[in-house]
Amino acid sequence: MLQKMENYKHALAQLEEAVERYQKTPEDALYRDGLIQRFEFTVELAWKSIKEYLEDQGMVLSIASPRGILKEAFSAGVLDDAQQWNDILTARNLTSHVYDEATAVGIARKICTEFLSPLRALLRVYEQ
């Protein structure tokens, strides 16, 4: 579990760096694409580290999908806002499967304004 948490912590730090750079030049498509790529990677590590965290807490998980893991985390009180995390997963899926300019701009904005906070909050859960 420690390695997953460290990987998540590192990915989150890289995402925060990408947010900072993107906010300085939001018209730069290269920075936007890098931001989105780092977001995808961070979200992937988030749900996988949540799975390991729950297992380390003694939970037996029968579902291994991202949404199933998040549902278990809400039930266990690990995560607070189910809708926000569902929005994060939806955005991550959109960026992985459908790519157009308007979608990319909208998701990049949400990463900066809405999604970074719950991703940071997850790190605080691990540090307790």
N, C-alpha and C. Protein backbone atom coordinates (compact mmCIF):
# COMPACT_ATOMS: atom_id res chain seq x y z
N MET A 1 0.82 -1.20 0.00
CA MET A 1 0.00 0.00 0.00
C MET A 1 0.86 1.26 0.00
N LEU A 2 1.97 1.22 0.70
CA LEU A 2 2.83 2.40 0.80
C LEU A 2 3.29 2.87 -0.57
N GLN A 3 3.63 1.92 -1.45
CA GLN A 3 4.10 2.28 -2.79
C GLN A 3 2.99 2.95 -3.60
N LYS A 4 1.77 2.43 -3.50
CA LYS A 4 0.64 3.04 -4.22
C LYS A 4 0.40 4.46 -3.73
N MET A 5 0.49 4.67 -2.42
CA MET A 5 0.28 6.01 -1.87
C MET A 5 1.38 6.96 -2.35
N GLU A 6 2.60 6.49 -2.36
CA GLU A 6 3.70 7.33 -2.85
C GLU A 6 3.53 7.66 -4.32
N ASN A 7 3.11 6.68 -5.11
CA ASN A 7 2.86 6.92 -6.54
C ASN A 7 1.75 7.95 -6.72
N TYR A 8 0.69 7.81 -5.91
CA TYR A 8 -0.42 8.76 -5.99
C TYR A 8 0.05 10.17 -5.59
N LYS A 9 0.81 10.25 -4.52
CA LYS A 9 1.33 11.54 -4.05
C LYS A 9 2.16 12.21 -5.14
N HIS A 10 3.01 11.44 -5.80
CA HIS A 10 3.85 11.97 -6.88
C HIS A 10 2.99 12.42 -8.06
N ALA A 11 2.02 11.62 -8.44
CA ALA A 11 1.13 11.97 -9.56
C ALA A 11 0.35 13.23 -9.25
N LEU A 12 -0.14 13.37 -8.02
CA LEU A 12 -0.88 14.55 -7.64
C LEU A 12 0.01 15.79 -7.70
N ALA A 13 1.25 15.67 -7.27
CA ALA A 13 2.18 16.80 -7.33
C ALA A 13 2.41 17.22 -8.78
N GLN A 14 2.52 16.25 -9.68
CA GLN A 14 2.70 16.56 -11.10
C GLN A 14 1.45 17.21 -11.67
N LEU A 15 0.28 16.76 -11.24
CA LEU A 15 -0.97 17.37 -11.69
C LEU A 15 -1.05 18.81 -11.20
N GLU A 16 -0.69 19.05 -9.96
CA GLU A 16 -0.71 20.42 -9.42
C GLU A 16 0.23 21.33 -10.21
N GLU A 17 1.38 20.81 -10.59
CA GLU A 17 2.31 21.59 -11.42
C GLU A 17 1.68 21.91 -12.77
N ALA A 18 1.01 20.92 -13.36
CA ALA A 18 0.36 21.13 -14.65
C ALA A 18 -0.75 22.17 -14.54
N VAL A 19 -1.52 22.12 -13.45
CA VAL A 19 -2.59 23.11 -13.24
C VAL A 19 -1.99 24.51 -13.18
N GLU A 20 -0.92 24.65 -12.41
CA GLU A 20 -0.27 25.96 -12.27
C GLU A 20 0.19 26.50 -13.63
N ARG A 21 0.83 25.66 -14.42
CA ARG A 21 1.32 26.12 -15.73
C ARG A 21 0.18 26.40 -16.69
N TYR A 22 -0.83 25.54 -16.67
CA TYR A 22 -1.96 25.74 -17.58
C TYR A 22 -2.70 27.04 -17.27
N GLN A 23 -2.87 27.34 -16.00
CA GLN A 23 -3.60 28.55 -15.62
C GLN A 23 -2.87 29.82 -16.08
N LYS A 24 -1.57 29.75 -16.24
CA LYS A 24 -0.82 30.91 -16.74
C LYS A 24 -1.01 31.11 -18.23
N THR A 25 -1.24 30.02 -18.97
CA THR A 25 -1.41 30.10 -20.43
C THR A 25 -2.51 29.14 -20.89
N PRO A 26 -3.77 29.42 -20.52
CA PRO A 26 -4.85 28.49 -20.84
C PRO A 26 -5.14 28.35 -22.33
N GLU A 27 -4.62 29.25 -23.14
CA GLU A 27 -4.82 29.14 -24.58
C GLU A 27 -3.84 28.15 -25.23
N ASP A 28 -2.86 27.69 -24.48
CA ASP A 28 -1.84 26.78 -25.01
C ASP A 28 -2.35 25.34 -24.99
N ALA A 29 -2.63 24.79 -26.17
CA ALA A 29 -3.18 23.44 -26.28
C ALA A 29 -2.22 22.38 -25.75
N LEU A 30 -0.94 22.62 -25.88
CA LEU A 30 0.04 21.65 -25.39
C LEU A 30 -0.01 21.54 -23.86
N TYR A 31 -0.08 22.68 -23.18
CA TYR A 31 -0.22 22.65 -21.72
C TYR A 31 -1.54 22.00 -21.31
N ARG A 32 -2.60 22.30 -22.06
CA ARG A 32 -3.91 21.71 -21.75
C ARG A 32 -3.85 20.19 -21.90
N ASP A 33 -3.26 19.73 -22.98
CA ASP A 33 -3.17 18.28 -23.20
C ASP A 33 -2.32 17.60 -22.13
N GLY A 34 -1.24 18.26 -21.72
CA GLY A 34 -0.41 17.72 -20.64
C GLY A 34 -1.17 17.66 -19.33
N LEU A 35 -1.95 18.70 -19.06
CA LEU A 35 -2.79 18.74 -17.87
C LEU A 35 -3.77 17.57 -17.88
N ILE A 36 -4.42 17.37 -18.99
CA ILE A 36 -5.41 16.28 -19.09
C ILE A 36 -4.74 14.92 -18.95
N GLN A 37 -3.57 14.74 -19.54
CA GLN A 37 -2.86 13.46 -19.42
C GLN A 37 -2.49 13.19 -17.95
N ARG A 38 -2.00 14.21 -17.28
CA ARG A 38 -1.65 14.04 -15.87
C ARG A 38 -2.89 13.78 -15.01
N PHE A 39 -4.00 14.40 -15.37
CA PHE A 39 -5.27 14.15 -14.68
C PHE A 39 -5.68 12.68 -14.85
N GLU A 40 -5.62 12.17 -16.07
CA GLU A 40 -5.98 10.78 -16.32
C GLU A 40 -5.14 9.83 -15.47
N PHE A 41 -3.84 10.08 -15.44
CA PHE A 41 -2.92 9.24 -14.68
C PHE A 41 -3.22 9.32 -13.18
N THR A 42 -3.48 10.51 -12.68
CA THR A 42 -3.77 10.71 -11.26
C THR A 42 -5.06 10.01 -10.86
N VAL A 43 -6.09 10.12 -11.69
CA VAL A 43 -7.37 9.47 -11.38
C VAL A 43 -7.20 7.95 -11.37
N GLU A 44 -6.44 7.43 -12.29
CA GLU A 44 -6.19 5.99 -12.34
C GLU A 44 -5.52 5.53 -11.04
N LEU A 45 -4.50 6.25 -10.62
CA LEU A 45 -3.83 5.91 -9.37
C LEU A 45 -4.73 6.13 -8.16
N ALA A 46 -5.61 7.11 -8.24
CA ALA A 46 -6.52 7.39 -7.12
C ALA A 46 -7.40 6.18 -6.82
N TRP A 47 -8.11 5.69 -7.82
CA TRP A 47 -9.04 4.61 -7.51
C TRP A 47 -8.30 3.32 -7.16
N LYS A 48 -7.14 3.10 -7.77
CA LYS A 48 -6.37 1.89 -7.44
C LYS A 48 -5.80 1.96 -6.03
N SER A 49 -5.37 3.15 -5.62
CA SER A 49 -4.86 3.29 -4.26
C SER A 49 -6.00 3.21 -3.24
N ILE A 50 -7.17 3.70 -3.61
CA ILE A 50 -8.34 3.56 -2.72
C ILE A 50 -8.66 2.08 -2.51
N LYS A 51 -8.60 1.32 -3.58
CA LYS A 51 -8.86 -0.12 -3.48
C LYS A 51 -7.90 -0.77 -2.49
N GLU A 52 -6.63 -0.48 -2.62
CA GLU A 52 -5.65 -1.07 -1.71
C GLU A 52 -5.84 -0.56 -0.28
N TYR A 53 -6.17 0.70 -0.14
CA TYR A 53 -6.42 1.27 1.19
C TYR A 53 -7.57 0.53 1.87
N LEU A 54 -8.66 0.34 1.14
CA LEU A 54 -9.82 -0.36 1.71
C LEU A 54 -9.46 -1.79 2.09
N GLU A 55 -8.71 -2.46 1.24
CA GLU A 55 -8.28 -3.83 1.54
C GLU A 55 -7.38 -3.86 2.77
N ASP A 56 -6.51 -2.87 2.90
CA ASP A 56 -5.65 -2.78 4.08
C ASP A 56 -6.46 -2.53 5.35
N GLN A 57 -7.63 -1.92 5.20
CA GLN A 57 -8.52 -1.67 6.33
C GLN A 57 -9.36 -2.89 6.67
N GLY A 58 -9.17 -3.99 5.92
CA GLY A 58 -9.86 -5.23 6.21
C GLY A 58 -11.09 -5.50 5.37
N MET A 59 -11.38 -4.63 4.42
CA MET A 59 -12.56 -4.84 3.58
C MET A 59 -12.26 -5.90 2.51
N VAL A 60 -13.26 -6.73 2.25
CA VAL A 60 -13.18 -7.70 1.16
C VAL A 60 -14.01 -7.14 0.02
N LEU A 61 -13.35 -6.83 -1.08
CA LEU A 61 -14.02 -6.16 -2.20
C LEU A 61 -14.31 -7.17 -3.30
N SER A 62 -15.57 -7.25 -3.68
CA SER A 62 -15.96 -8.18 -4.74
C SER A 62 -15.97 -7.49 -6.11
N ILE A 63 -15.97 -6.17 -6.11
CA ILE A 63 -16.00 -5.40 -7.36
C ILE A 63 -14.67 -4.68 -7.51
N ALA A 64 -14.10 -4.74 -8.71
CA ALA A 64 -12.80 -4.11 -8.93
C ALA A 64 -12.87 -2.98 -9.96
N SER A 65 -14.07 -2.53 -10.32
CA SER A 65 -14.19 -1.43 -11.27
C SER A 65 -14.00 -0.11 -10.53
N PRO A 66 -13.58 0.94 -11.23
CA PRO A 66 -13.41 2.23 -10.55
C PRO A 66 -14.68 2.70 -9.82
N ARG A 67 -15.82 2.64 -10.48
CA ARG A 67 -17.06 3.11 -9.83
C ARG A 67 -17.43 2.23 -8.64
N GLY A 68 -17.21 0.94 -8.77
CA GLY A 68 -17.49 0.03 -7.65
C GLY A 68 -16.61 0.31 -6.45
N ILE A 69 -15.34 0.58 -6.71
CA ILE A 69 -14.40 0.91 -5.63
C ILE A 69 -14.81 2.22 -4.96
N LEU A 70 -15.17 3.22 -5.77
CA LEU A 70 -15.59 4.50 -5.20
C LEU A 70 -16.86 4.35 -4.36
N LYS A 71 -17.77 3.53 -4.82
CA LYS A 71 -19.01 3.29 -4.07
C LYS A 71 -18.68 2.69 -2.70
N GLU A 72 -17.77 1.74 -2.67
CA GLU A 72 -17.34 1.16 -1.39
C GLU A 72 -16.67 2.20 -0.50
N ALA A 73 -15.86 3.07 -1.12
CA ALA A 73 -15.17 4.11 -0.36
C ALA A 73 -16.16 5.10 0.26
N PHE A 74 -17.23 5.43 -0.47
CA PHE A 74 -18.27 6.31 0.09
C PHE A 74 -18.93 5.63 1.28
N SER A 75 -19.28 4.36 1.10
CA SER A 75 -19.93 3.61 2.18
C SER A 75 -19.06 3.53 3.42
N ALA A 76 -17.75 3.43 3.22
CA ALA A 76 -16.82 3.32 4.34
C ALA A 76 -16.45 4.68 4.94
N GLY A 77 -16.91 5.76 4.32
CA GLY A 77 -16.61 7.09 4.83
C GLY A 77 -15.23 7.61 4.45
N VAL A 78 -14.59 6.95 3.50
CA VAL A 78 -13.26 7.39 3.06
C VAL A 78 -13.38 8.62 2.17
N LEU A 79 -14.39 8.65 1.34
CA LEU A 79 -14.65 9.78 0.45
C LEU A 79 -15.95 10.45 0.86
N ASP A 80 -16.00 11.77 0.68
CA ASP A 80 -17.16 12.54 1.12
C ASP A 80 -18.22 12.77 0.06
N ASP A 81 -17.83 13.19 -1.10
CA ASP A 81 -18.77 13.67 -2.11
C ASP A 81 -18.87 12.70 -3.29
N ALA A 82 -19.88 11.86 -3.25
CA ALA A 82 -20.04 10.84 -4.29
C ALA A 82 -20.22 11.45 -5.67
N GLN A 83 -21.00 12.51 -5.77
CA GLN A 83 -21.25 13.13 -7.08
C GLN A 83 -19.97 13.71 -7.66
N GLN A 84 -19.18 14.32 -6.84
CA GLN A 84 -17.93 14.92 -7.32
C GLN A 84 -16.98 13.85 -7.86
N TRP A 85 -16.85 12.74 -7.15
CA TRP A 85 -15.99 11.66 -7.62
C TRP A 85 -16.56 10.99 -8.87
N ASN A 86 -17.88 10.89 -8.97
CA ASN A 86 -18.47 10.36 -10.19
C ASN A 86 -18.20 11.30 -11.36
N ASP A 87 -18.24 12.60 -11.12
CA ASP A 87 -17.91 13.57 -12.15
C ASP A 87 -16.45 13.44 -12.59
N ILE A 88 -15.57 13.20 -11.63
CA ILE A 88 -14.15 13.00 -11.95
C ILE A 88 -13.98 11.78 -12.85
N LEU A 89 -14.62 10.68 -12.50
CA LEU A 89 -14.51 9.47 -13.33
C LEU A 89 -15.11 9.68 -14.71
N THR A 90 -16.23 10.37 -14.78
CA THR A 90 -16.85 10.64 -16.07
C THR A 90 -15.93 11.48 -16.94
N ALA A 91 -15.32 12.50 -16.36
CA ALA A 91 -14.39 13.35 -17.11
C ALA A 91 -13.19 12.55 -17.57
N ARG A 92 -12.68 11.70 -16.71
CA ARG A 92 -11.53 10.88 -17.07
C ARG A 92 -11.88 9.95 -18.24
N ASN A 93 -13.05 9.37 -18.20
CA ASN A 93 -13.49 8.49 -19.29
C ASN A 93 -13.68 9.27 -20.59
N LEU A 94 -14.21 10.46 -20.49
CA LEU A 94 -14.39 11.29 -21.69
C LEU A 94 -13.05 11.63 -22.33
N THR A 95 -12.09 12.00 -21.52
CA THR A 95 -10.80 12.38 -22.08
C THR A 95 -10.08 11.19 -22.69
N SER A 96 -10.37 10.01 -22.20
CA SER A 96 -9.71 8.81 -22.73
C SER A 96 -10.35 8.30 -24.01
N HIS A 97 -11.65 8.57 -24.19
CA HIS A 97 -12.37 7.94 -25.30
C HIS A 97 -12.91 8.92 -26.34
N VAL A 98 -13.20 10.14 -25.93
CA VAL A 98 -13.75 11.13 -26.85
C VAL A 98 -12.89 12.37 -26.73
N TYR A 99 -12.34 12.82 -27.83
CA TYR A 99 -11.50 14.01 -27.73
C TYR A 99 -11.90 15.02 -28.79
N ASP A 100 -12.37 16.15 -28.32
CA ASP A 100 -12.60 17.30 -29.19
C ASP A 100 -12.24 18.54 -28.39
N GLU A 101 -12.04 19.62 -29.08
CA GLU A 101 -11.56 20.86 -28.48
C GLU A 101 -12.46 21.34 -27.33
N ALA A 102 -13.76 21.38 -27.56
CA ALA A 102 -14.68 21.90 -26.55
C ALA A 102 -14.66 21.03 -25.28
N THR A 103 -14.64 19.71 -25.47
CA THR A 103 -14.58 18.81 -24.32
C THR A 103 -13.28 19.01 -23.55
N ALA A 104 -12.18 19.11 -24.27
CA ALA A 104 -10.88 19.29 -23.63
C ALA A 104 -10.82 20.58 -22.83
N VAL A 105 -11.31 21.66 -23.39
CA VAL A 105 -11.30 22.95 -22.70
C VAL A 105 -12.17 22.88 -21.44
N GLY A 106 -13.34 22.30 -21.57
CA GLY A 106 -14.25 22.20 -20.42
C GLY A 106 -13.70 21.34 -19.31
N ILE A 107 -13.10 20.22 -19.66
CA ILE A 107 -12.53 19.34 -18.64
C ILE A 107 -11.30 19.97 -18.00
N ALA A 108 -10.47 20.64 -18.79
CA ALA A 108 -9.30 21.32 -18.22
C ALA A 108 -9.74 22.36 -17.20
N ARG A 109 -10.80 23.08 -17.51
CA ARG A 109 -11.32 24.08 -16.57
C ARG A 109 -11.78 23.41 -15.28
N LYS A 110 -12.50 22.29 -15.42
CA LYS A 110 -13.00 21.59 -14.23
C LYS A 110 -11.87 20.99 -13.40
N ILE A 111 -10.82 20.52 -14.06
CA ILE A 111 -9.67 20.00 -13.31
C ILE A 111 -9.14 21.10 -12.39
N CYS A 112 -9.01 22.30 -12.94
CA CYS A 112 -8.45 23.43 -12.18
C CYS A 112 -9.39 23.95 -11.10
N THR A 113 -10.70 23.94 -11.37
CA THR A 113 -11.64 24.59 -10.45
C THR A 113 -12.41 23.64 -9.54
N GLU A 114 -12.61 22.39 -9.97
CA GLU A 114 -13.46 21.48 -9.20
C GLU A 114 -12.78 20.19 -8.76
N PHE A 115 -11.94 19.63 -9.61
CA PHE A 115 -11.45 18.27 -9.38
C PHE A 115 -10.20 18.20 -8.51
N LEU A 116 -9.41 19.23 -8.48
CA LEU A 116 -8.16 19.18 -7.73
C LEU A 116 -8.41 19.04 -6.22
N SER A 117 -9.44 19.70 -5.72
CA SER A 117 -9.73 19.66 -4.29
C SER A 117 -10.02 18.24 -3.77
N PRO A 118 -10.91 17.47 -4.39
CA PRO A 118 -11.13 16.12 -3.86
C PRO A 118 -9.92 15.20 -4.04
N LEU A 119 -9.14 15.44 -5.08
CA LEU A 119 -7.93 14.65 -5.26
C LEU A 119 -6.93 14.95 -4.15
N ARG A 120 -6.84 16.19 -3.73
CA ARG A 120 -5.98 16.57 -2.60
C ARG A 120 -6.53 15.97 -1.29
N ALA A 121 -7.84 16.00 -1.13
CA ALA A 121 -8.46 15.48 0.09
C ALA A 121 -8.15 13.98 0.26
N LEU A 122 -8.07 13.26 -0.83
CA LEU A 122 -7.75 11.83 -0.76
C LEU A 122 -6.35 11.64 -0.16
N LEU A 123 -5.43 12.47 -0.55
CA LEU A 123 -4.08 12.38 0.00
C LEU A 123 -4.09 12.58 1.51
N ARG A 124 -4.92 13.51 1.98
CA ARG A 124 -5.02 13.74 3.43
C ARG A 124 -5.56 12.52 4.16
N VAL A 125 -6.45 11.76 3.52
CA VAL A 125 -6.96 10.51 4.13
C VAL A 125 -5.80 9.55 4.35
N TYR A 126 -4.94 9.43 3.36
CA TYR A 126 -3.81 8.51 3.46
C TYR A 126 -2.80 8.93 4.52
N GLU A 127 -2.69 10.23 4.75
CA GLU A 127 -1.68 10.75 5.68
C GLU A 127 -2.15 10.69 7.14
N GLN A 128 -3.39 10.33 7.38
CA GLN A 128 -3.92 10.25 8.75
C GLN A 128 -3.35 9.06 9.49
